[in-house]
Amino acid sequence: MTDIKRITLSSLAAATLLASGAGTALAADYPVTDTADVEATTATSSVDDATAIQRASNPRPVEGTFTWDQSTITSNERISQMFSKAVAHLCGSVADLAQDNPLQWRLAVSGDVANAFTATVDEMAAEDSVQDTMSCTCGANPTDGGATITAEVKGIPVTYLIERAEACDGANAITFISSDGTETMMPLGYVIGRHAVISYEVNGEDLSASVGGNNQLWMTRTPAGYFVRDIVEVRITKEEATPAIPGEGHTYPNSPNVGITTASVA
């Protein structure tokens, strides 16, 4: 009878442990010889199950350090696919992007200035040119959308044009005129504060290899729709009313944009 009781109780313990997710090794290694042992094992398993459920429902807080940067440069191939071909009207594109020598492109500065002038990009670059990492994002780009790029942008600072032309006191507007006649007016202070650059190179290559055209206005914290391309004239004026801030009154779902390019767990 004793042997039969041991076999029966051992089988019961094994079934109990299997149901609780603890496995059957315990029953095989340590046969249960008494009903009290079975009850104790069952009670322990129930406590373990309750603890596991509680932990699953209330996971232990995990502490760590989250860091981010905008240093990942978008390749010119990717930029061309997204901003030059796939999205024809993005980033201030003009109707017909002429492919020329961007350094020989002539740019006029006019308006309420003491020294209106016209010069090639090459001539102006010899006097003042900057290179910086900048981003260009469509204002309507959804969260983690693809219409956002970061590139090494080289060009003529708009502040150089303003200073060389000697803008008159009270000038409060600047208009960028594209080769197709499109005019885009913005507050002068806004453009200066956004570190505006008329670019002629992106990632070390002419714009034709990326966004297209010969030059393009780049600014920080500004929707890409205001990034005028193929600029032929910059007009600085004193207006009765300061122009509206770019994007003012518009509702953008995600400006600025954030996307995850890599992730790791330590």
Protein backbone atom coordinates (compact mmCIF):
# COMPACT_ATOMS: atom_id res chain seq x y z
CA MET A 1 0.00 0.00 0.00
CA THR A 2 2.81 2.38 0.82
CA ASP A 3 4.35 2.01 -2.66
CA ILE A 4 0.96 2.55 -4.36
CA LYS A 5 0.37 5.67 -2.20
CA ARG A 6 3.77 7.08 -3.11
CA ILE A 7 3.17 6.52 -6.84
CA THR A 8 -0.29 8.11 -6.69
CA LEU A 9 0.85 11.12 -4.69
CA SER A 10 3.93 11.58 -6.88
CA SER A 11 1.73 11.61 -9.97
CA LEU A 12 -0.58 14.17 -8.33
CA ALA A 13 2.35 16.43 -7.44
CA ALA A 14 3.73 16.18 -10.98
CA ALA A 15 0.36 17.18 -12.44
CA THR A 16 0.10 20.11 -10.02
CA LEU A 17 3.58 21.38 -10.86
CA LEU A 18 2.97 21.03 -14.60
CA ALA A 19 -0.20 23.10 -14.38
CA SER A 20 1.61 25.82 -12.47
CA GLY A 21 4.35 26.13 -15.13
CA ALA A 22 7.09 24.94 -12.79
CA GLY A 23 7.88 21.79 -14.76
CA THR A 24 8.02 18.14 -13.68
CA ALA A 25 11.64 17.86 -12.61
CA LEU A 26 10.82 18.53 -8.97
CA ALA A 27 8.41 15.60 -8.78
CA ALA A 28 10.89 13.28 -10.43
CA ASP A 29 13.82 14.30 -8.25
CA TYR A 30 11.95 14.64 -4.97
CA PRO A 31 8.99 12.20 -4.74
CA VAL A 32 6.19 13.39 -2.45
CA THR A 33 5.47 10.91 0.30
CA ASP A 34 2.71 12.66 2.24
CA THR A 35 -0.57 14.49 1.51
CA ALA A 36 0.65 17.45 3.58
CA ASP A 37 3.63 17.74 1.24
CA VAL A 38 1.28 17.86 -1.75
CA GLU A 39 -0.84 20.57 -0.15
CA ALA A 40 2.26 22.59 0.73
CA THR A 41 3.57 22.28 -2.81
CA THR A 42 0.22 23.33 -4.26
CA ALA A 43 0.02 26.33 -1.95
CA THR A 44 3.55 27.37 -2.85
CA SER A 45 2.75 27.07 -6.56
CA SER A 46 -0.35 29.23 -6.14
CA VAL A 47 1.70 31.89 -4.39
CA ASP A 48 4.29 31.76 -7.16
CA ASP A 49 1.57 32.09 -9.80
CA ALA A 50 0.04 35.08 -8.03
CA THR A 51 3.46 36.71 -7.73
CA ALA A 52 4.16 36.13 -11.44
CA ILE A 53 0.79 37.61 -12.42
CA GLN A 54 1.37 40.61 -10.18
CA ARG A 55 4.81 41.21 -11.66
CA ALA A 56 3.40 40.95 -15.19
CA SER A 57 0.66 43.44 -14.34
CA ASN A 58 3.04 45.78 -12.53
CA PRO A 59 6.42 45.48 -14.26
CA ARG A 60 9.47 46.59 -12.36
CA PRO A 61 10.44 50.17 -13.30
CA VAL A 62 13.47 50.26 -15.58
CA GLU A 63 15.83 53.19 -15.33
CA GLY A 64 18.25 54.28 -18.00
CA THR A 65 19.55 57.15 -20.08
CA PHE A 66 17.87 58.28 -23.30
CA THR A 67 19.96 60.27 -25.74
CA TRP A 68 19.36 61.55 -29.24
CA ASP A 69 21.03 63.57 -31.95
CA GLN A 70 20.47 64.78 -35.48
CA SER A 71 23.89 63.89 -36.79
CA THR A 72 22.82 61.10 -39.15
CA ILE A 73 23.37 62.47 -42.66
CA THR A 74 20.87 61.52 -45.36
CA SER A 75 22.55 60.30 -48.54
CA ASN A 76 22.13 62.33 -51.72
CA GLU A 77 20.57 59.28 -53.35
CA ARG A 78 17.87 59.20 -50.68
CA ILE A 79 17.39 62.97 -50.88
CA SER A 80 16.96 62.74 -54.64
CA GLN A 81 14.38 59.97 -54.31
CA MET A 82 12.33 61.83 -51.73
CA PHE A 83 12.72 65.54 -52.46
CA SER A 84 13.66 65.78 -56.10
CA LYS A 85 11.67 63.01 -57.77
CA ALA A 86 8.99 61.58 -55.49
CA VAL A 87 7.71 64.90 -54.17
CA ALA A 88 7.76 67.40 -57.03
CA HIS A 89 6.29 70.31 -55.06
CA LEU A 90 8.24 69.87 -51.85
CA CYS A 91 11.01 72.15 -50.64
CA GLY A 92 10.02 75.15 -52.74
CA SER A 93 10.57 73.50 -56.10
CA VAL A 94 10.03 75.59 -59.21
CA ALA A 95 8.19 74.45 -62.33
CA ASP A 96 11.33 73.66 -64.31
CA LEU A 97 14.55 73.09 -62.39
CA ALA A 98 17.31 74.21 -64.73
CA GLN A 99 20.49 72.20 -64.36
CA ASP A 100 23.36 74.64 -64.70
CA ASN A 101 26.67 75.43 -63.04
CA PRO A 102 25.55 76.60 -59.57
CA LEU A 103 28.76 78.56 -58.97
CA GLN A 104 28.19 80.63 -62.11
CA TRP A 105 24.56 81.32 -61.22
CA ARG A 106 23.97 85.07 -61.03
CA LEU A 107 22.12 86.46 -58.05
CA ALA A 108 20.82 90.04 -57.72
CA VAL A 109 20.18 91.86 -54.44
CA SER A 110 17.83 94.84 -54.69
CA GLY A 111 15.16 96.86 -52.88
CA ASP A 112 15.53 99.39 -50.10
CA VAL A 113 19.30 99.13 -49.99
CA ALA A 114 22.18 101.54 -50.46
CA ASN A 115 24.27 99.17 -52.56
CA ALA A 116 22.22 96.99 -54.90
CA PHE A 117 24.42 94.50 -56.72
CA THR A 118 24.52 91.42 -58.92
CA ALA A 119 27.21 88.76 -58.63
CA THR A 120 27.82 85.11 -59.31
CA VAL A 121 27.57 82.59 -56.50
CA ASP A 122 31.26 81.85 -57.00
CA GLU A 123 32.20 85.51 -56.47
CA MET A 124 30.11 85.75 -53.31
CA ALA A 125 31.35 82.40 -51.98
CA ALA A 126 34.91 83.67 -52.25
CA GLU A 127 33.97 86.42 -49.76
CA ASP A 128 31.69 84.49 -47.41
CA SER A 129 30.52 80.90 -47.41
CA VAL A 130 29.42 78.60 -44.60
CA GLN A 131 28.85 74.88 -44.17
CA ASP A 132 26.63 73.40 -41.50
CA THR A 133 24.48 70.38 -40.70
CA MET A 134 20.85 71.33 -41.33
CA SER A 135 17.50 69.59 -41.65
CA CYS A 136 14.71 69.93 -44.19
CA THR A 137 11.28 68.55 -43.25
CA CYS A 138 7.90 68.78 -44.94
CA GLY A 139 5.48 70.54 -42.58
CA ALA A 140 2.83 67.86 -43.20
CA ASN A 141 5.20 64.95 -42.66
CA PRO A 142 3.55 62.43 -40.31
CA THR A 143 5.27 61.03 -37.22
CA ASP A 144 8.25 58.94 -38.32
CA GLY A 145 7.46 59.87 -41.93
CA GLY A 146 10.05 59.81 -44.68
CA ALA A 147 9.80 63.42 -45.85
CA THR A 148 12.64 64.63 -43.66
CA ILE A 149 16.37 64.84 -44.35
CA THR A 150 19.54 66.01 -42.64
CA ALA A 151 22.48 67.12 -44.76
CA GLU A 152 25.75 69.00 -44.82
CA VAL A 153 24.69 72.26 -46.45
CA LYS A 154 27.16 74.72 -47.97
CA GLY A 155 26.15 78.14 -49.21
CA ILE A 156 26.03 81.93 -48.95
CA PRO A 157 24.68 83.31 -45.66
CA VAL A 158 21.73 85.65 -46.24
CA THR A 159 23.25 87.98 -43.64
CA TYR A 160 26.18 88.48 -46.03
CA LEU A 161 23.78 89.68 -48.75
CA ILE A 162 22.05 92.06 -46.33
CA GLU A 163 25.30 93.55 -45.08
CA ARG A 164 26.89 93.89 -48.51
CA ALA A 165 23.77 95.56 -49.92
CA GLU A 166 23.55 97.84 -46.86
CA ALA A 167 19.87 97.43 -46.09
CA CYS A 168 18.16 100.67 -45.09
CA ASP A 169 17.02 101.36 -41.55
CA GLY A 170 13.58 99.96 -40.91
CA ALA A 171 13.81 97.20 -43.51
CA ASN A 172 11.53 94.44 -42.28
CA ALA A 173 10.91 92.14 -45.24
CA ILE A 174 12.90 89.98 -47.61
CA THR A 175 11.56 88.43 -50.82
CA PHE A 176 13.16 85.51 -52.62
CA ILE A 177 12.36 85.41 -56.33
CA SER A 178 12.79 82.13 -58.24
CA SER A 179 13.70 81.70 -61.90
CA ASP A 180 10.05 80.96 -62.75
CA GLY A 181 8.88 84.25 -61.23
CA THR A 182 7.62 82.79 -57.93
CA GLU A 183 8.01 85.31 -55.07
CA THR A 184 8.20 84.32 -51.41
CA MET A 185 8.19 87.14 -48.85
CA MET A 186 9.16 86.62 -45.21
CA PRO A 187 10.01 88.79 -42.20
CA LEU A 188 13.64 89.93 -42.41
CA GLY A 189 14.24 89.24 -38.73
CA TYR A 190 12.79 85.75 -39.03
CA VAL A 191 15.14 84.82 -41.88
CA ILE A 192 18.16 86.19 -40.03
CA GLY A 193 17.16 84.38 -36.83
CA ARG A 194 16.79 81.09 -38.72
CA HIS A 195 20.39 81.26 -39.99
CA ALA A 196 19.24 81.32 -43.62
CA VAL A 197 21.67 80.10 -46.28
CA ILE A 198 21.37 80.09 -50.06
CA SER A 199 22.95 76.70 -50.67
CA TYR A 200 24.81 75.54 -53.75
CA GLU A 201 26.16 72.25 -52.37
CA VAL A 202 24.59 69.43 -50.37
CA ASN A 203 26.82 66.72 -48.94
CA GLY A 204 29.77 67.92 -51.02
CA GLU A 205 27.95 67.78 -54.37
CA ASP A 206 26.04 70.21 -56.57
CA LEU A 207 22.32 70.39 -55.78
CA SER A 208 21.54 68.50 -59.00
CA ALA A 209 22.68 65.32 -57.19
CA SER A 210 20.18 65.76 -54.36
CA VAL A 211 17.34 68.30 -54.18
CA GLY A 212 17.78 69.47 -57.78
CA GLY A 213 18.26 72.93 -59.24
CA ASN A 214 21.15 75.33 -58.77
CA ASN A 215 20.52 76.86 -55.36
CA GLN A 216 18.07 76.55 -52.50
CA LEU A 217 17.19 78.52 -49.40
CA TRP A 218 17.72 76.56 -46.18
CA MET A 219 16.58 77.72 -42.73
CA THR A 220 16.35 76.16 -39.29
CA ARG A 221 12.96 75.42 -37.67
CA THR A 222 11.02 76.20 -40.86
CA PRO A 223 8.70 73.98 -42.98
CA ALA A 224 10.35 72.81 -46.19
CA GLY A 225 7.71 74.48 -48.34
CA TYR A 226 9.54 77.77 -47.77
CA PHE A 227 12.88 76.42 -48.98
CA VAL A 228 12.82 78.38 -52.25
CA ARG A 229 14.91 77.00 -55.11
CA ASP A 230 16.68 78.53 -58.14
CA ILE A 231 16.71 82.02 -56.62
CA VAL A 232 17.64 84.79 -59.08
CA GLU A 233 16.90 87.82 -56.92
CA VAL A 234 16.74 88.75 -53.25
CA ARG A 235 14.72 91.89 -52.54
CA ILE A 236 15.03 93.64 -49.17
CA THR A 237 12.24 96.14 -48.44
CA LYS A 238 10.56 98.25 -45.82
CA GLU A 239 6.89 97.29 -45.67
CA GLU A 240 4.04 99.02 -43.85
CA ALA A 241 3.22 95.71 -42.18
CA THR A 242 5.74 93.00 -41.41
CA PRO A 243 5.01 89.85 -43.45
CA ALA A 244 3.48 86.83 -41.77
CA ILE A 245 5.81 84.31 -40.18
CA PRO A 246 6.17 81.17 -42.35
CA GLY A 247 3.63 78.57 -41.29
CA GLU A 248 1.82 80.94 -38.92
CA GLY A 249 -1.74 79.77 -38.40
CA HIS A 250 -1.06 76.38 -40.00
CA THR A 251 -1.51 73.15 -38.08
CA TYR A 252 1.28 70.70 -38.75
CA PRO A 253 0.88 67.15 -37.40
CA ASN A 254 4.56 66.78 -36.64
CA SER A 255 6.89 69.75 -36.72
CA PRO A 256 9.71 69.19 -36.07
CA ASN A 257 9.84 65.54 -37.06
CA VAL A 258 11.34 62.68 -35.07
CA GLY A 259 12.30 59.28 -36.46
CA ILE A 260 14.30 56.38 -35.03
CA THR A 261 17.20 55.23 -37.16
CA THR A 262 18.98 52.95 -34.67
CA ALA A 263 18.28 51.57 -31.20
CA SER A 264 20.09 49.40 -28.67
CA VAL A 265 19.50 48.03 -25.18
CA ALA A 266 22.34 47.94 -22.68
